[in-house]
Amino acid sequence: MFKEGFEVLPGWVHDFCSGYCPGCEFAHYCNVWQEHYTKEEFDEERKKTSNDT
């Protein structure tokens, strides 16, 4: 489907980014979290997020 493309619908996020780095399953592929967190802060926030689910 991604190779063929698809229509853009309002509200869809095509880059899979919700904007909340600690809860992101793809954080290890992305460096955006480094703009907002130190490594220690990020790891601590991820622990909190994983405990909430």
PDB file of N, CA and C in Angstrom:
ATOM      1  N   MET A   1       0.830  -1.189   0.000  1.00  0.00           N
ATOM      2  CA  MET A   1       0.000   0.000   0.000  1.00  0.00           C
ATOM      3  C   MET A   1       0.879   1.259   0.000  1.00  0.00           C
ATOM      4  N   PHE A   2       1.965   1.270   0.761  1.00  0.00           N
ATOM      5  CA  PHE A   2       2.827   2.438   0.813  1.00  0.00           C
ATOM      6  C   PHE A   2       3.544   2.664  -0.517  1.00  0.00           C
ATOM      7  N   LYS A   3       3.897   1.594  -1.195  1.00  0.00           N
ATOM      8  CA  LYS A   3       4.563   1.747  -2.484  1.00  0.00           C
ATOM      9  C   LYS A   3       3.626   2.359  -3.515  1.00  0.00           C
ATOM     10  N   GLU A   4       2.352   1.959  -3.469  1.00  0.00           N
ATOM     11  CA  GLU A   4       1.371   2.467  -4.417  1.00  0.00           C
ATOM     12  C   GLU A   4       0.880   3.857  -4.038  1.00  0.00           C
ATOM     13  N   GLY A   5       0.964   4.182  -2.774  1.00  0.00           N
ATOM     14  CA  GLY A   5       0.482   5.478  -2.297  1.00  0.00           C
ATOM     15  C   GLY A   5      -0.986   5.409  -1.919  1.00  0.00           C
ATOM     16  N   PHE A   6      -1.454   6.417  -1.238  1.00  0.00           N
ATOM     17  CA  PHE A   6      -2.853   6.486  -0.851  1.00  0.00           C
ATOM     18  C   PHE A   6      -3.247   7.932  -0.625  1.00  0.00           C
ATOM     19  N   GLU A   7      -4.524   8.177  -0.628  1.00  0.00           N
ATOM     20  CA  GLU A   7      -5.024   9.534  -0.495  1.00  0.00           C
ATOM     21  C   GLU A   7      -4.826  10.056   0.923  1.00  0.00           C
ATOM     22  N   VAL A   8      -4.553  11.335   1.030  1.00  0.00           N
ATOM     23  CA  VAL A   8      -4.384  11.970   2.330  1.00  0.00           C
ATOM     24  C   VAL A   8      -5.760  12.277   2.905  1.00  0.00           C
ATOM     25  N   LEU A   9      -5.979  11.862   4.120  1.00  0.00           N
ATOM     26  CA  LEU A   9      -7.232  12.135   4.807  1.00  0.00           C
ATOM     27  C   LEU A   9      -6.951  13.044   5.995  1.00  0.00           C
ATOM     28  N   PRO A  10      -7.792  14.008   6.263  1.00  0.00           N
ATOM     29  CA  PRO A  10      -7.569  14.908   7.404  1.00  0.00           C
ATOM     30  C   PRO A  10      -7.417  14.129   8.713  1.00  0.00           C
ATOM     31  N   GLY A  11      -6.422  14.515   9.499  1.00  0.00           N
ATOM     32  CA  GLY A  11      -6.216  13.870  10.791  1.00  0.00           C
ATOM     33  C   GLY A  11      -5.250  12.710  10.766  1.00  0.00           C
ATOM     34  N   TRP A  12      -4.888  12.229   9.599  1.00  0.00           N
ATOM     35  CA  TRP A  12      -3.943  11.111   9.513  1.00  0.00           C
ATOM     36  C   TRP A  12      -2.534  11.614   9.716  1.00  0.00           C
ATOM     37  N   VAL A  13      -1.731  10.866  10.432  1.00  0.00           N
ATOM     38  CA  VAL A  13      -0.320  11.182  10.617  1.00  0.00           C
ATOM     39  C   VAL A  13       0.463  10.136   9.843  1.00  0.00           C
ATOM     40  N   HIS A  14       1.057  10.534   8.735  1.00  0.00           N
ATOM     41  CA  HIS A  14       1.723   9.580   7.855  1.00  0.00           C
ATOM     42  C   HIS A  14       3.097   9.154   8.346  1.00  0.00           C
ATOM     43  N   ASP A  15       3.687   9.923   9.237  1.00  0.00           N
ATOM     44  CA  ASP A  15       5.002   9.540   9.731  1.00  0.00           C
ATOM     45  C   ASP A  15       4.917   8.735  11.027  1.00  0.00           C
ATOM     46  N   PHE A  16       3.715   8.367  11.427  1.00  0.00           N
ATOM     47  CA  PHE A  16       3.461   7.564  12.618  1.00  0.00           C
ATOM     48  C   PHE A  16       3.846   8.259  13.914  1.00  0.00           C
ATOM     49  N   CYS A  17       4.043   9.564  13.873  1.00  0.00           N
ATOM     50  CA  CYS A  17       4.467  10.308  15.054  1.00  0.00           C
ATOM     51  C   CYS A  17       3.266  10.950  15.740  1.00  0.00           C
ATOM     52  N   SER A  18       3.078  10.574  17.000  1.00  0.00           N
ATOM     53  CA  SER A  18       2.002  11.180  17.779  1.00  0.00           C
ATOM     54  C   SER A  18       2.481  12.455  18.460  1.00  0.00           C
ATOM     55  N   GLY A  19       3.797  12.647  18.507  1.00  0.00           N
ATOM     56  CA  GLY A  19       4.364  13.804  19.171  1.00  0.00           C
ATOM     57  C   GLY A  19       4.793  13.521  20.600  1.00  0.00           C
ATOM     58  N   TYR A  20       4.468  12.342  21.114  1.00  0.00           N
ATOM     59  CA  TYR A  20       4.858  11.965  22.473  1.00  0.00           C
ATOM     60  C   TYR A  20       5.952  10.901  22.386  1.00  0.00           C
ATOM     61  N   CYS A  21       7.196  11.339  22.454  1.00  0.00           N
ATOM     62  CA  CYS A  21       8.345  10.456  22.242  1.00  0.00           C
ATOM     63  C   CYS A  21       8.437   9.272  23.210  1.00  0.00           C
ATOM     64  N   PRO A  22       8.230   9.465  24.517  1.00  0.00           N
ATOM     65  CA  PRO A  22       8.395   8.325  25.427  1.00  0.00           C
ATOM     66  C   PRO A  22       7.424   7.173  25.152  1.00  0.00           C
ATOM     67  N   GLY A  23       6.296   7.439  24.563  1.00  0.00           N
ATOM     68  CA  GLY A  23       5.342   6.382  24.274  1.00  0.00           C
ATOM     69  C   GLY A  23       5.471   5.799  22.879  1.00  0.00           C
ATOM     70  N   CYS A  24       6.466   6.246  22.133  1.00  0.00           N
ATOM     71  CA  CYS A  24       6.616   5.834  20.746  1.00  0.00           C
ATOM     72  C   CYS A  24       7.380   4.520  20.611  1.00  0.00           C
ATOM     73  N   GLU A  25       6.819   3.602  19.835  1.00  0.00           N
ATOM     74  CA  GLU A  25       7.476   2.317  19.587  1.00  0.00           C
ATOM     75  C   GLU A  25       8.665   2.461  18.635  1.00  0.00           C
ATOM     76  N   PHE A  26       8.751   3.598  17.942  1.00  0.00           N
ATOM     77  CA  PHE A  26       9.815   3.814  16.968  1.00  0.00           C
ATOM     78  C   PHE A  26      10.877   4.776  17.474  1.00  0.00           C
ATOM     79  N   ALA A  27      10.906   5.066  18.763  1.00  0.00           N
ATOM     80  CA  ALA A  27      11.829   6.064  19.318  1.00  0.00           C
ATOM     81  C   ALA A  27      13.288   5.721  19.048  1.00  0.00           C
ATOM     82  N   HIS A  28      13.622   4.447  19.000  1.00  0.00           N
ATOM     83  CA  HIS A  28      15.016   4.070  18.758  1.00  0.00           C
ATOM     84  C   HIS A  28      15.439   4.328  17.310  1.00  0.00           C
ATOM     85  N   TYR A  29      14.489   4.641  16.426  1.00  0.00           N
ATOM     86  CA  TYR A  29      14.806   5.005  15.041  1.00  0.00           C
ATOM     87  C   TYR A  29      14.856   6.516  14.841  1.00  0.00           C
ATOM     88  N   CYS A  30      14.530   7.278  15.864  1.00  0.00           N
ATOM     89  CA  CYS A  30      14.327   8.718  15.738  1.00  0.00           C
ATOM     90  C   CYS A  30      15.156   9.463  16.785  1.00  0.00           C
ATOM     91  N   ASN A  31      15.616  10.654  16.423  1.00  0.00           N
ATOM     92  CA  ASN A  31      16.419  11.449  17.351  1.00  0.00           C
ATOM     93  C   ASN A  31      15.673  12.656  17.902  1.00  0.00           C
ATOM     94  N   VAL A  32      14.403  12.808  17.570  1.00  0.00           N
ATOM     95  CA  VAL A  32      13.647  13.982  18.009  1.00  0.00           C
ATOM     96  C   VAL A  32      13.589  14.070  19.532  1.00  0.00           C
ATOM     97  N   TRP A  33      13.493  12.942  20.212  1.00  0.00           N
ATOM     98  CA  TRP A  33      13.408  12.953  21.679  1.00  0.00           C
ATOM     99  C   TRP A  33      14.608  13.640  22.304  1.00  0.00           C
ATOM    100  N   GLN A  34      15.764  13.626  21.628  1.00  0.00           N
ATOM    101  CA  GLN A  34      16.979  14.233  22.162  1.00  0.00           C
ATOM    102  C   GLN A  34      16.880  15.757  22.242  1.00  0.00           C
ATOM    103  N   GLU A  35      15.948  16.336  21.507  1.00  0.00           N
ATOM    104  CA  GLU A  35      15.733  17.781  21.566  1.00  0.00           C
ATOM    105  C   GLU A  35      14.991  18.190  22.836  1.00  0.00           C
ATOM    106  N   HIS A  36      14.331  17.227  23.487  1.00  0.00           N
ATOM    107  CA  HIS A  36      13.468  17.539  24.617  1.00  0.00           C
ATOM    108  C   HIS A  36      13.859  16.853  25.917  1.00  0.00           C
ATOM    109  N   TYR A  37      14.627  15.785  25.826  1.00  0.00           N
ATOM    110  CA  TYR A  37      14.977  14.984  27.002  1.00  0.00           C
ATOM    111  C   TYR A  37      16.464  14.659  27.014  1.00  0.00           C
ATOM    112  N   THR A  38      17.017  14.493  28.211  1.00  0.00           N
ATOM    113  CA  THR A  38      18.314  13.835  28.316  1.00  0.00           C
ATOM    114  C   THR A  38      18.040  12.335  28.234  1.00  0.00           C
ATOM    115  N   LYS A  39      19.054  11.536  28.065  1.00  0.00           N
ATOM    116  CA  LYS A  39      18.880  10.075  27.992  1.00  0.00           C
ATOM    117  C   LYS A  39      18.228   9.555  29.266  1.00  0.00           C
ATOM    118  N   GLU A  40      18.656  10.061  30.415  1.00  0.00           N
ATOM    119  CA  GLU A  40      18.107   9.614  31.700  1.00  0.00           C
ATOM    120  C   GLU A  40      16.634   9.997  31.834  1.00  0.00           C
ATOM    121  N   GLU A  41      16.305  11.236  31.471  1.00  0.00           N
ATOM    122  CA  GLU A  41      14.910  11.689  31.549  1.00  0.00           C
ATOM    123  C   GLU A  41      14.021  10.869  30.616  1.00  0.00           C
ATOM    124  N   PHE A  42      14.538  10.606  29.425  1.00  0.00           N
ATOM    125  CA  PHE A  42      13.774   9.843  28.443  1.00  0.00           C
ATOM    126  C   PHE A  42      13.507   8.425  28.935  1.00  0.00           C
ATOM    127  N   ASP A  43      14.543   7.772  29.444  1.00  0.00           N
ATOM    128  CA  ASP A  43      14.378   6.410  29.964  1.00  0.00           C
ATOM    129  C   ASP A  43      13.391   6.374  31.121  1.00  0.00           C
ATOM    130  N   GLU A  44      13.460   7.358  32.013  1.00  0.00           N
ATOM    131  CA  GLU A  44      12.534   7.421  33.148  1.00  0.00           C
ATOM    132  C   GLU A  44      11.097   7.632  32.671  1.00  0.00           C
ATOM    133  N   GLU A  45      10.912   8.503  31.709  1.00  0.00           N
ATOM    134  CA  GLU A  45       9.573   8.767  31.183  1.00  0.00           C
ATOM    135  C   GLU A  45       9.024   7.542  30.456  1.00  0.00           C
ATOM    136  N   ARG A  46       9.883   6.808  29.754  1.00  0.00           N
ATOM    137  CA  ARG A  46       9.440   5.572  29.085  1.00  0.00           C
ATOM    138  C   ARG A  46       9.000   4.531  30.103  1.00  0.00           C
ATOM    139  N   LYS A  47       9.707   4.453  31.237  1.00  0.00           N
ATOM    140  CA  LYS A  47       9.305   3.522  32.295  1.00  0.00           C
ATOM    141  C   LYS A  47       7.921   3.865  32.804  1.00  0.00           C
ATOM    142  N   LYS A  48       7.669   5.160  33.026  1.00  0.00           N
ATOM    143  CA  LYS A  48       6.349   5.609  33.496  1.00  0.00           C
ATOM    144  C   LYS A  48       5.274   5.242  32.480  1.00  0.00           C
ATOM    145  N   THR A  49       5.579   5.458  31.205  1.00  0.00           N
ATOM    146  CA  THR A  49       4.624   5.173  30.135  1.00  0.00           C
ATOM    147  C   THR A  49       4.325   3.694  30.058  1.00  0.00           C
ATOM    148  N   SER A  50       5.345   2.854  30.174  1.00  0.00           N
ATOM    149  CA  SER A  50       5.127   1.409  30.088  1.00  0.00           C
ATOM    150  C   SER A  50       4.357   0.891  31.300  1.00  0.00           C
ATOM    151  N   ASN A  51       4.481   1.544  32.446  1.00  0.00           N
ATOM    152  CA  ASN A  51       3.745   1.127  33.633  1.00  0.00           C
ATOM    153  C   ASN A  51       2.281   1.541  33.565  1.00  0.00           C
ATOM    154  N   ASP A  52       1.959   2.553  32.777  1.00  0.00           N
ATOM    155  CA  ASP A  52       0.588   3.038  32.637  1.00  0.00           C
ATOM    156  C   ASP A  52      -0.262   2.134  31.769  1.00  0.00           C
ATOM    157  N   THR A  53       0.369   1.306  30.935  1.00  0.00           N
ATOM    158  CA  THR A  53      -0.399   0.467  30.031  1.00  0.00           C
ATOM    159  C   THR A  53      -0.631  -0.898  30.578  1.00  0.00           C
TER     160      THR A  53
END
